[in-house]
Amino acid sequence: MGKRSDFERRDRDFYPTPFEAARPLMRHLPSETHFHEPCAGDGDLIRHLEESGHKCVVSGDIATGQDALDIKGTVAEVFITNPPWDRKILHPLITILSSIRPTYLLFDADWMHTKQAVEYLKKCAKIISVARVKWIPDSKMSGKDNCAWYLFTDHDCETVFHTKGGWSVGR
């Protein structure tokens, strides 16, 4: 799944979201958040969030014929998803979803240090460190890339960084 491995990527970048990846986001959500999961896969992220008191009011996935890039609106308060990390999909998702509602996306932490991130980081209100995640339950190792939750908005803002240890730093 990462840039330092030679493993073949899974079709549609399908890696179910483990609870350990969702946990750092939990303390940043207001209680009983109503969310839209546009890249739902098999629903793991939905289950983790709902078991913590949040409510998925809309979900979809490309595998069921619902392309997140075609979303025009939502009744939810926020989008929350573990999207495909392919930049050809990820970047349009950031633009489209955050123009509708605040959008939490889980993907590689290194992205924020690249040229391609500059235009998107202007609208990134929050980055929550997750660190490395064990994406494949039966594997012996965790992934090789650190991950983070990114909160994108529809307006320019300062980014606040939240570390795994709990402290935060503003831009």
N, C-alpha and C. Protein backbone atom coordinates (compact mmCIF):
# COMPACT_ATOMS: atom_id res chain seq x y z
N MET A 1 0.82 -1.19 0.00
CA MET A 1 0.00 0.00 0.00
C MET A 1 0.86 1.25 0.00
N GLY A 2 2.09 1.19 0.46
CA GLY A 2 2.91 2.38 0.58
C GLY A 2 3.91 2.54 -0.53
N LYS A 3 4.60 3.66 -0.49
CA LYS A 3 5.57 3.97 -1.54
C LYS A 3 6.87 3.19 -1.37
N ARG A 4 7.10 2.57 -0.21
CA ARG A 4 8.33 1.84 0.02
C ARG A 4 8.13 0.33 0.01
N SER A 5 7.11 -0.12 -0.67
CA SER A 5 6.90 -1.57 -0.76
C SER A 5 6.65 -1.95 -2.21
N ASP A 6 6.84 -3.22 -2.49
CA ASP A 6 6.60 -3.68 -3.85
C ASP A 6 5.35 -4.56 -3.92
N PHE A 7 4.53 -4.50 -2.87
CA PHE A 7 3.29 -5.26 -2.88
C PHE A 7 2.31 -4.62 -3.87
N GLU A 8 1.60 -5.47 -4.56
CA GLU A 8 0.58 -4.98 -5.48
C GLU A 8 -0.55 -4.34 -4.68
N ARG A 9 -0.98 -3.18 -5.10
CA ARG A 9 -2.07 -2.49 -4.41
C ARG A 9 -3.37 -3.24 -4.65
N ARG A 10 -4.24 -3.15 -3.69
CA ARG A 10 -5.54 -3.78 -3.81
C ARG A 10 -6.41 -3.00 -4.78
N ASP A 11 -7.32 -3.69 -5.42
CA ASP A 11 -8.25 -3.06 -6.34
C ASP A 11 -9.00 -1.93 -5.64
N ARG A 12 -9.10 -0.80 -6.30
CA ARG A 12 -9.79 0.40 -5.79
C ARG A 12 -9.15 0.92 -4.50
N ASP A 13 -7.90 0.55 -4.21
CA ASP A 13 -7.24 0.98 -2.98
C ASP A 13 -8.06 0.59 -1.75
N PHE A 14 -8.69 -0.59 -1.81
CA PHE A 14 -9.58 -1.01 -0.73
C PHE A 14 -8.80 -1.62 0.43
N TYR A 15 -8.68 -0.82 1.48
CA TYR A 15 -8.05 -1.26 2.73
C TYR A 15 -9.02 -0.87 3.85
N PRO A 16 -9.73 -1.84 4.43
CA PRO A 16 -10.68 -1.52 5.49
C PRO A 16 -10.01 -0.74 6.62
N THR A 17 -10.75 0.19 7.19
CA THR A 17 -10.22 1.07 8.22
C THR A 17 -10.23 0.37 9.58
N PRO A 18 -9.05 0.13 10.16
CA PRO A 18 -9.02 -0.48 11.50
C PRO A 18 -9.40 0.55 12.57
N PHE A 19 -9.89 0.07 13.70
CA PHE A 19 -10.29 0.96 14.78
C PHE A 19 -9.15 1.89 15.20
N GLU A 20 -7.92 1.38 15.21
CA GLU A 20 -6.78 2.19 15.64
C GLU A 20 -6.59 3.42 14.76
N ALA A 21 -7.02 3.35 13.51
CA ALA A 21 -6.93 4.52 12.62
C ALA A 21 -8.05 5.51 12.89
N ALA A 22 -9.19 5.03 13.33
CA ALA A 22 -10.34 5.90 13.62
C ALA A 22 -10.23 6.56 14.98
N ARG A 23 -9.60 5.90 15.93
CA ARG A 23 -9.56 6.38 17.31
C ARG A 23 -9.06 7.83 17.46
N PRO A 24 -7.97 8.25 16.81
CA PRO A 24 -7.50 9.63 17.01
C PRO A 24 -8.51 10.69 16.57
N LEU A 25 -9.38 10.34 15.63
CA LEU A 25 -10.39 11.29 15.16
C LEU A 25 -11.49 11.50 16.18
N MET A 26 -11.80 10.49 16.97
CA MET A 26 -12.96 10.50 17.87
C MET A 26 -13.04 11.72 18.77
N ARG A 27 -11.93 12.12 19.37
CA ARG A 27 -11.99 13.24 20.33
C ARG A 27 -12.14 14.60 19.64
N HIS A 28 -12.07 14.61 18.32
CA HIS A 28 -12.21 15.86 17.57
C HIS A 28 -13.62 16.06 17.02
N LEU A 29 -14.46 15.05 17.18
CA LEU A 29 -15.83 15.15 16.69
C LEU A 29 -16.78 15.53 17.82
N PRO A 30 -17.69 16.46 17.56
CA PRO A 30 -18.72 16.73 18.58
C PRO A 30 -19.54 15.46 18.83
N SER A 31 -20.09 15.32 20.01
CA SER A 31 -20.87 14.11 20.28
C SER A 31 -22.04 14.02 19.30
N GLU A 32 -22.36 12.79 18.93
CA GLU A 32 -23.47 12.48 18.03
C GLU A 32 -23.36 13.18 16.67
N THR A 33 -22.14 13.27 16.15
CA THR A 33 -21.93 13.85 14.83
C THR A 33 -22.67 13.04 13.77
N HIS A 34 -23.40 13.73 12.90
CA HIS A 34 -24.08 13.10 11.77
C HIS A 34 -23.16 13.23 10.56
N PHE A 35 -22.69 12.09 10.04
CA PHE A 35 -21.69 12.13 8.98
C PHE A 35 -22.12 11.38 7.73
N HIS A 36 -21.44 11.70 6.65
CA HIS A 36 -21.63 11.06 5.34
C HIS A 36 -20.33 10.35 5.02
N GLU A 37 -20.40 9.05 4.74
CA GLU A 37 -19.22 8.24 4.40
C GLU A 37 -19.29 7.92 2.91
N PRO A 38 -18.59 8.69 2.05
CA PRO A 38 -18.71 8.52 0.60
C PRO A 38 -17.85 7.41 -0.01
N CYS A 39 -16.90 6.87 0.74
CA CYS A 39 -16.02 5.78 0.26
C CYS A 39 -16.10 4.65 1.28
N ALA A 40 -17.30 4.15 1.50
CA ALA A 40 -17.61 3.30 2.65
C ALA A 40 -17.00 1.91 2.62
N GLY A 41 -16.63 1.40 1.46
CA GLY A 41 -16.07 0.06 1.42
C GLY A 41 -17.00 -0.93 2.07
N ASP A 42 -16.50 -1.69 3.04
CA ASP A 42 -17.35 -2.67 3.73
C ASP A 42 -17.95 -2.12 5.02
N GLY A 43 -17.77 -0.83 5.27
CA GLY A 43 -18.44 -0.18 6.40
C GLY A 43 -17.68 -0.18 7.71
N ASP A 44 -16.41 -0.57 7.71
CA ASP A 44 -15.66 -0.60 8.98
C ASP A 44 -15.61 0.77 9.67
N LEU A 45 -15.30 1.82 8.93
CA LEU A 45 -15.22 3.14 9.53
C LEU A 45 -16.58 3.56 10.09
N ILE A 46 -17.63 3.27 9.37
CA ILE A 46 -18.98 3.58 9.86
C ILE A 46 -19.22 2.88 11.20
N ARG A 47 -18.90 1.60 11.27
CA ARG A 47 -19.10 0.84 12.52
C ARG A 47 -18.30 1.44 13.67
N HIS A 48 -17.04 1.79 13.43
CA HIS A 48 -16.21 2.36 14.50
C HIS A 48 -16.82 3.67 15.02
N LEU A 49 -17.25 4.52 14.10
CA LEU A 49 -17.80 5.81 14.51
C LEU A 49 -19.16 5.66 15.19
N GLU A 50 -19.99 4.77 14.66
CA GLU A 50 -21.30 4.58 15.28
C GLU A 50 -21.19 3.93 16.66
N GLU A 51 -20.23 3.05 16.85
CA GLU A 51 -20.02 2.45 18.17
C GLU A 51 -19.54 3.49 19.17
N SER A 52 -19.05 4.61 18.68
CA SER A 52 -18.61 5.71 19.55
C SER A 52 -19.66 6.80 19.67
N GLY A 53 -20.88 6.54 19.20
CA GLY A 53 -21.99 7.47 19.41
C GLY A 53 -22.31 8.39 18.25
N HIS A 54 -21.62 8.26 17.12
CA HIS A 54 -21.89 9.10 15.96
C HIS A 54 -22.88 8.39 15.04
N LYS A 55 -23.44 9.12 14.09
CA LYS A 55 -24.49 8.54 13.24
C LYS A 55 -24.18 8.78 11.77
N CYS A 56 -24.07 7.68 11.03
CA CYS A 56 -23.89 7.77 9.58
C CYS A 56 -25.28 7.97 8.97
N VAL A 57 -25.49 9.12 8.33
CA VAL A 57 -26.80 9.40 7.74
C VAL A 57 -26.82 9.15 6.24
N VAL A 58 -25.63 9.06 5.62
CA VAL A 58 -25.51 8.74 4.20
C VAL A 58 -24.20 7.99 4.00
N SER A 59 -24.24 6.95 3.17
CA SER A 59 -23.00 6.27 2.81
C SER A 59 -23.10 5.78 1.38
N GLY A 60 -21.95 5.54 0.79
CA GLY A 60 -21.90 5.03 -0.57
C GLY A 60 -20.50 4.55 -0.88
N ASP A 61 -20.35 3.93 -2.03
CA ASP A 61 -19.04 3.46 -2.45
C ASP A 61 -19.08 3.21 -3.95
N ILE A 62 -17.96 3.38 -4.60
CA ILE A 62 -17.87 3.15 -6.04
C ILE A 62 -18.28 1.72 -6.40
N ALA A 63 -18.02 0.78 -5.49
CA ALA A 63 -18.36 -0.62 -5.75
C ALA A 63 -19.87 -0.84 -5.84
N THR A 64 -20.65 0.06 -5.23
CA THR A 64 -22.11 -0.05 -5.30
C THR A 64 -22.71 0.97 -6.26
N GLY A 65 -21.84 1.55 -7.10
CA GLY A 65 -22.31 2.48 -8.13
C GLY A 65 -22.46 3.91 -7.68
N GLN A 66 -21.94 4.25 -6.51
CA GLN A 66 -22.04 5.61 -6.00
C GLN A 66 -20.65 6.23 -5.99
N ASP A 67 -20.37 7.04 -6.99
CA ASP A 67 -19.06 7.67 -7.14
C ASP A 67 -18.99 8.94 -6.30
N ALA A 68 -18.08 8.98 -5.36
CA ALA A 68 -17.94 10.14 -4.47
C ALA A 68 -17.63 11.42 -5.26
N LEU A 69 -17.05 11.30 -6.43
CA LEU A 69 -16.74 12.47 -7.24
C LEU A 69 -17.99 13.08 -7.88
N ASP A 70 -19.12 12.38 -7.79
CA ASP A 70 -20.38 12.89 -8.34
C ASP A 70 -21.29 13.50 -7.28
N ILE A 71 -20.86 13.55 -6.03
CA ILE A 71 -21.70 14.07 -4.95
C ILE A 71 -21.93 15.57 -5.15
N LYS A 72 -23.18 15.97 -5.03
CA LYS A 72 -23.56 17.38 -5.21
C LYS A 72 -24.02 18.03 -3.90
N GLY A 73 -24.33 17.22 -2.90
CA GLY A 73 -24.82 17.75 -1.63
C GLY A 73 -24.97 16.63 -0.63
N THR A 74 -25.29 17.00 0.61
CA THR A 74 -25.52 16.01 1.66
C THR A 74 -26.35 16.62 2.77
N VAL A 75 -27.06 15.79 3.50
CA VAL A 75 -27.80 16.23 4.68
C VAL A 75 -26.93 16.13 5.93
N ALA A 76 -25.77 15.52 5.81
CA ALA A 76 -24.88 15.32 6.96
C ALA A 76 -24.17 16.62 7.34
N GLU A 77 -23.64 16.63 8.55
CA GLU A 77 -22.87 17.78 9.04
C GLU A 77 -21.47 17.81 8.47
N VAL A 78 -20.94 16.61 8.17
CA VAL A 78 -19.54 16.48 7.79
C VAL A 78 -19.35 15.21 6.97
N PHE A 79 -18.35 15.23 6.08
CA PHE A 79 -17.92 14.02 5.40
C PHE A 79 -16.78 13.42 6.21
N ILE A 80 -16.78 12.11 6.36
CA ILE A 80 -15.67 11.40 7.02
C ILE A 80 -15.41 10.15 6.21
N THR A 81 -14.16 10.00 5.73
CA THR A 81 -13.86 8.80 4.94
C THR A 81 -12.37 8.50 4.89
N ASN A 82 -12.07 7.25 4.61
CA ASN A 82 -10.74 6.77 4.31
C ASN A 82 -10.73 6.57 2.80
N PRO A 83 -10.36 7.61 2.04
CA PRO A 83 -10.48 7.56 0.58
C PRO A 83 -9.34 6.81 -0.09
N PRO A 84 -9.48 6.54 -1.39
CA PRO A 84 -8.32 6.04 -2.13
C PRO A 84 -7.20 7.08 -2.05
N TRP A 85 -5.98 6.62 -1.93
CA TRP A 85 -4.85 7.55 -1.80
C TRP A 85 -4.30 7.98 -3.14
N ASP A 86 -4.77 7.42 -4.22
CA ASP A 86 -4.35 7.81 -5.55
C ASP A 86 -4.66 9.29 -5.73
N ARG A 87 -3.65 10.09 -6.04
CA ARG A 87 -3.82 11.54 -6.10
C ARG A 87 -4.81 11.98 -7.17
N LYS A 88 -4.99 11.18 -8.21
CA LYS A 88 -5.95 11.51 -9.26
C LYS A 88 -7.39 11.44 -8.74
N ILE A 89 -7.59 10.71 -7.67
CA ILE A 89 -8.91 10.63 -7.04
C ILE A 89 -8.94 11.50 -5.79
N LEU A 90 -7.89 11.43 -4.98
CA LEU A 90 -7.84 12.16 -3.71
C LEU A 90 -7.99 13.67 -3.89
N HIS A 91 -7.24 14.26 -4.78
CA HIS A 91 -7.29 15.72 -4.94
C HIS A 91 -8.67 16.22 -5.38
N PRO A 92 -9.30 15.61 -6.38
CA PRO A 92 -10.66 16.05 -6.69
C PRO A 92 -11.64 15.83 -5.52
N LEU A 93 -11.45 14.74 -4.76
CA LEU A 93 -12.31 14.52 -3.59
C LEU A 93 -12.19 15.65 -2.59
N ILE A 94 -10.97 16.08 -2.33
CA ILE A 94 -10.76 17.19 -1.40
C ILE A 94 -11.55 18.41 -1.88
N THR A 95 -11.41 18.74 -3.13
CA THR A 95 -12.07 19.93 -3.70
C THR A 95 -13.59 19.81 -3.67
N ILE A 96 -14.10 18.70 -4.16
CA ILE A 96 -15.56 18.53 -4.27
C ILE A 96 -16.22 18.44 -2.90
N LEU A 97 -15.75 17.53 -2.06
CA LEU A 97 -16.42 17.31 -0.77
C LEU A 97 -16.31 18.53 0.14
N SER A 98 -15.14 19.14 0.22
CA SER A 98 -14.98 20.28 1.14
C SER A 98 -15.73 21.51 0.67
N SER A 99 -16.12 21.57 -0.60
CA SER A 99 -16.94 22.69 -1.07
C SER A 99 -18.39 22.53 -0.60
N ILE A 100 -18.75 21.32 -0.17
CA ILE A 100 -20.11 21.03 0.28
C ILE A 100 -20.22 21.09 1.80
N ARG A 101 -19.32 20.39 2.49
CA ARG A 101 -19.31 20.33 3.95
C ARG A 101 -17.86 20.14 4.41
N PRO A 102 -17.58 20.46 5.70
CA PRO A 102 -16.26 20.11 6.22
C PRO A 102 -16.00 18.63 5.97
N THR A 103 -14.74 18.30 5.67
CA THR A 103 -14.41 16.96 5.21
C THR A 103 -13.17 16.41 5.91
N TYR A 104 -13.35 15.31 6.63
CA TYR A 104 -12.22 14.60 7.25
C TYR A 104 -11.82 13.46 6.32
N LEU A 105 -10.54 13.46 5.92
CA LEU A 105 -10.01 12.39 5.07
C LEU A 105 -8.79 11.77 5.76
N LEU A 106 -8.70 10.46 5.72
CA LEU A 106 -7.58 9.72 6.29
C LEU A 106 -6.66 9.29 5.15
N PHE A 107 -5.41 9.79 5.16
CA PHE A 107 -4.43 9.34 4.18
C PHE A 107 -3.03 9.62 4.68
N ASP A 108 -2.03 9.38 3.84
CA ASP A 108 -0.64 9.43 4.28
C ASP A 108 -0.22 10.81 4.78
N ALA A 109 0.51 10.81 5.88
CA ALA A 109 0.95 12.05 6.51
C ALA A 109 2.02 12.78 5.69
N ASP A 110 2.81 12.05 4.93
CA ASP A 110 3.86 12.69 4.13
C ASP A 110 3.30 13.64 3.09
N TRP A 111 2.08 13.43 2.67
CA TRP A 111 1.47 14.27 1.63
C TRP A 111 1.61 15.76 1.94
N MET A 112 1.44 16.12 3.22
CA MET A 112 1.47 17.54 3.59
C MET A 112 2.82 18.20 3.32
N HIS A 113 3.86 17.43 3.08
CA HIS A 113 5.20 17.96 2.85
C HIS A 113 5.56 18.02 1.38
N THR A 114 4.59 17.89 0.50
CA THR A 114 4.86 17.87 -0.93
C THR A 114 4.33 19.12 -1.62
N LYS A 115 4.90 19.42 -2.79
CA LYS A 115 4.43 20.57 -3.58
C LYS A 115 2.96 20.44 -3.95
N GLN A 116 2.55 19.22 -4.26
CA GLN A 116 1.17 19.01 -4.70
C GLN A 116 0.16 19.37 -3.62
N ALA A 117 0.58 19.41 -2.36
CA ALA A 117 -0.33 19.70 -1.25
C ALA A 117 -0.57 21.19 -1.03
N VAL A 118 0.31 22.02 -1.53
CA VAL A 118 0.28 23.45 -1.20
C VAL A 118 -1.09 24.09 -1.40
N GLU A 119 -1.69 23.92 -2.56
CA GLU A 119 -2.97 24.59 -2.82
C GLU A 119 -4.09 24.05 -1.93
N TYR A 120 -4.02 22.79 -1.54
CA TYR A 120 -5.06 22.19 -0.71
C TYR A 120 -4.89 22.54 0.77
N LEU A 121 -3.65 22.70 1.20
CA LEU A 121 -3.40 23.01 2.61
C LEU A 121 -3.94 24.38 3.01
N LYS A 122 -4.19 25.25 2.06
CA LYS A 122 -4.78 26.56 2.37
C LYS A 122 -6.15 26.39 3.01
N LYS A 123 -6.83 25.29 2.70
CA LYS A 123 -8.17 25.04 3.22
C LYS A 123 -8.19 23.89 4.23
N CYS A 124 -7.02 23.56 4.76
CA CYS A 124 -6.92 22.49 5.74
C CYS A 124 -6.90 23.09 7.14
N ALA A 125 -7.97 22.88 7.87
CA ALA A 125 -8.12 23.46 9.21
C ALA A 125 -7.41 22.66 10.29
N LYS A 126 -7.27 21.36 10.06
CA LYS A 126 -6.75 20.50 11.12
C LYS A 126 -6.06 19.29 10.51
N ILE A 127 -4.96 18.88 11.15
CA ILE A 127 -4.30 17.63 10.81
C ILE A 127 -4.12 16.87 12.12
N ILE A 128 -4.65 15.66 12.15
CA ILE A 128 -4.60 14.83 13.36
C ILE A 128 -3.70 13.63 13.07
N SER A 129 -2.60 13.55 13.77
CA SER A 129 -1.65 12.46 13.57
C SER A 129 -2.25 11.12 14.00
N VAL A 130 -2.04 10.12 13.16
CA VAL A 130 -2.49 8.76 13.46
C VAL A 130 -1.28 7.84 13.65
N ALA A 131 -0.20 8.11 12.95
CA ALA A 131 1.01 7.29 12.91
C ALA A 131 0.78 6.09 11.98
N ARG A 132 1.51 5.02 12.18
CA ARG A 132 1.40 3.86 11.29
C ARG A 132 0.21 3.00 11.68
N VAL A 133 -0.38 2.41 10.66
CA VAL A 133 -1.60 1.62 10.84
C VAL A 133 -1.37 0.21 10.29
N LYS A 134 -1.92 -0.77 10.98
CA LYS A 134 -1.89 -2.15 10.48
C LYS A 134 -3.15 -2.34 9.63
N TRP A 135 -3.01 -2.18 8.31
CA TRP A 135 -4.13 -2.21 7.39
C TRP A 135 -4.63 -3.62 7.11
N ILE A 136 -3.74 -4.60 7.18
CA ILE A 136 -4.11 -5.97 6.86
C ILE A 136 -4.06 -6.77 8.17
N PRO A 137 -5.22 -7.10 8.74
CA PRO A 137 -5.29 -7.69 10.08
C PRO A 137 -4.38 -8.88 10.32
N ASP A 138 -4.25 -9.78 9.38
CA ASP A 138 -3.45 -10.99 9.59
C ASP A 138 -1.97 -10.81 9.29
N SER A 139 -1.56 -9.62 8.88
CA SER A 139 -0.15 -9.41 8.56
C SER A 139 0.66 -9.27 9.84
N LYS A 140 1.96 -9.46 9.72
CA LYS A 140 2.84 -9.36 10.88
C LYS A 140 3.26 -7.92 11.16
N MET A 141 3.09 -7.04 10.18
CA MET A 141 3.60 -5.68 10.31
C MET A 141 2.52 -4.65 10.04
N SER A 142 2.78 -3.44 10.53
CA SER A 142 1.91 -2.31 10.20
C SER A 142 2.38 -1.75 8.86
N GLY A 143 1.61 -0.80 8.34
CA GLY A 143 1.99 -0.16 7.08
C GLY A 143 3.29 0.60 7.26
N LYS A 144 3.90 0.98 6.15
CA LYS A 144 5.19 1.68 6.20
C LYS A 144 5.04 3.19 6.16
N ASP A 145 3.83 3.67 5.97
CA ASP A 145 3.58 5.11 5.91
C ASP A 145 2.82 5.58 7.14
N ASN A 146 3.22 6.71 7.70
CA ASN A 146 2.44 7.34 8.75
C ASN A 146 1.19 7.93 8.11
N CYS A 147 0.12 7.98 8.88
CA CYS A 147 -1.16 8.49 8.38
C CYS A 147 -1.62 9.66 9.24
N ALA A 148 -2.58 10.38 8.71
CA ALA A 148 -3.18 11.49 9.44
C ALA A 148 -4.60 11.70 8.94
N TRP A 149 -5.42 12.26 9.81
CA TRP A 149 -6.73 12.76 9.41
C TRP A 149 -6.54 14.22 9.04
N TYR A 150 -7.07 14.62 7.91
CA TYR A 150 -7.03 16.01 7.45
C TYR A 150 -8.45 16.53 7.43
N LEU A 151 -8.67 17.72 8.00
CA LEU A 151 -9.98 18.37 7.94
C LEU A 151 -9.90 19.52 6.95
N PHE A 152 -10.62 19.38 5.85
CA PHE A 152 -10.66 20.42 4.82
C PHE A 152 -11.98 21.18 4.90
N THR A 153 -11.91 22.49 4.62
CA THR A 153 -13.09 23.36 4.65
C THR A 153 -13.25 24.05 3.30
N ASP A 154 -14.27 24.86 3.19
CA ASP A 154 -14.51 25.57 1.93
C ASP A 154 -13.88 26.97 1.92
N HIS A 155 -13.06 27.28 2.92
CA HIS A 155 -12.45 28.61 2.99
C HIS A 155 -10.99 28.51 3.44
N ASP A 156 -10.22 29.53 3.13
CA ASP A 156 -8.84 29.56 3.58
C ASP A 156 -8.80 29.66 5.10
N CYS A 157 -7.87 28.97 5.71
CA CYS A 157 -7.78 28.95 7.17
C CYS A 157 -6.38 28.56 7.60
N GLU A 158 -6.12 28.70 8.87
CA GLU A 158 -4.85 28.23 9.43
C GLU A 158 -5.01 26.77 9.82
N THR A 159 -3.93 26.03 9.72
CA THR A 159 -3.95 24.61 10.06
C THR A 159 -3.46 24.42 11.49
N VAL A 160 -4.19 23.65 12.26
CA VAL A 160 -3.76 23.27 13.60
C VAL A 160 -3.36 21.80 13.54
N PHE A 161 -2.17 21.49 14.03
CA PHE A 161 -1.66 20.13 14.04
C PHE A 161 -1.89 19.51 15.41
N HIS A 162 -2.43 18.31 15.41
CA HIS A 162 -2.67 17.58 16.65
C HIS A 162 -1.82 16.31 16.60
N THR A 163 -0.93 16.17 17.55
CA THR A 163 -0.05 15.02 17.56
C THR A 163 -0.74 13.83 18.22
N LYS A 164 -0.15 12.68 18.03
CA LYS A 164 -0.70 11.48 18.64
C LYS A 164 -0.69 11.60 20.17
N GLY A 165 0.27 12.34 20.69
CA GLY A 165 0.37 12.54 22.13
C GLY A 165 -0.64 13.53 22.70
N GLY A 166 -1.36 14.23 21.81
CA GLY A 166 -2.43 15.09 22.28
C GLY A 166 -2.14 16.59 22.21
N TRP A 167 -0.92 17.02 22.05
CA TRP A 167 -0.68 18.46 21.99
C TRP A 167 -0.90 18.96 20.58
N SER A 168 -1.10 20.27 20.46
CA SER A 168 -1.40 20.85 19.16
C SER A 168 -0.54 22.09 18.91
N VAL A 169 -0.33 22.38 17.63
CA VAL A 169 0.47 23.51 17.21
C VAL A 169 -0.25 24.18 16.06
N GLY A 170 -0.41 25.52 16.12
CA GLY A 170 -1.04 26.26 15.02
C GLY A 170 -0.01 26.66 14.00
N ARG A 171 -0.48 26.98 12.80
CA ARG A 171 0.41 27.40 11.71
C ARG A 171 0.72 28.86 11.86
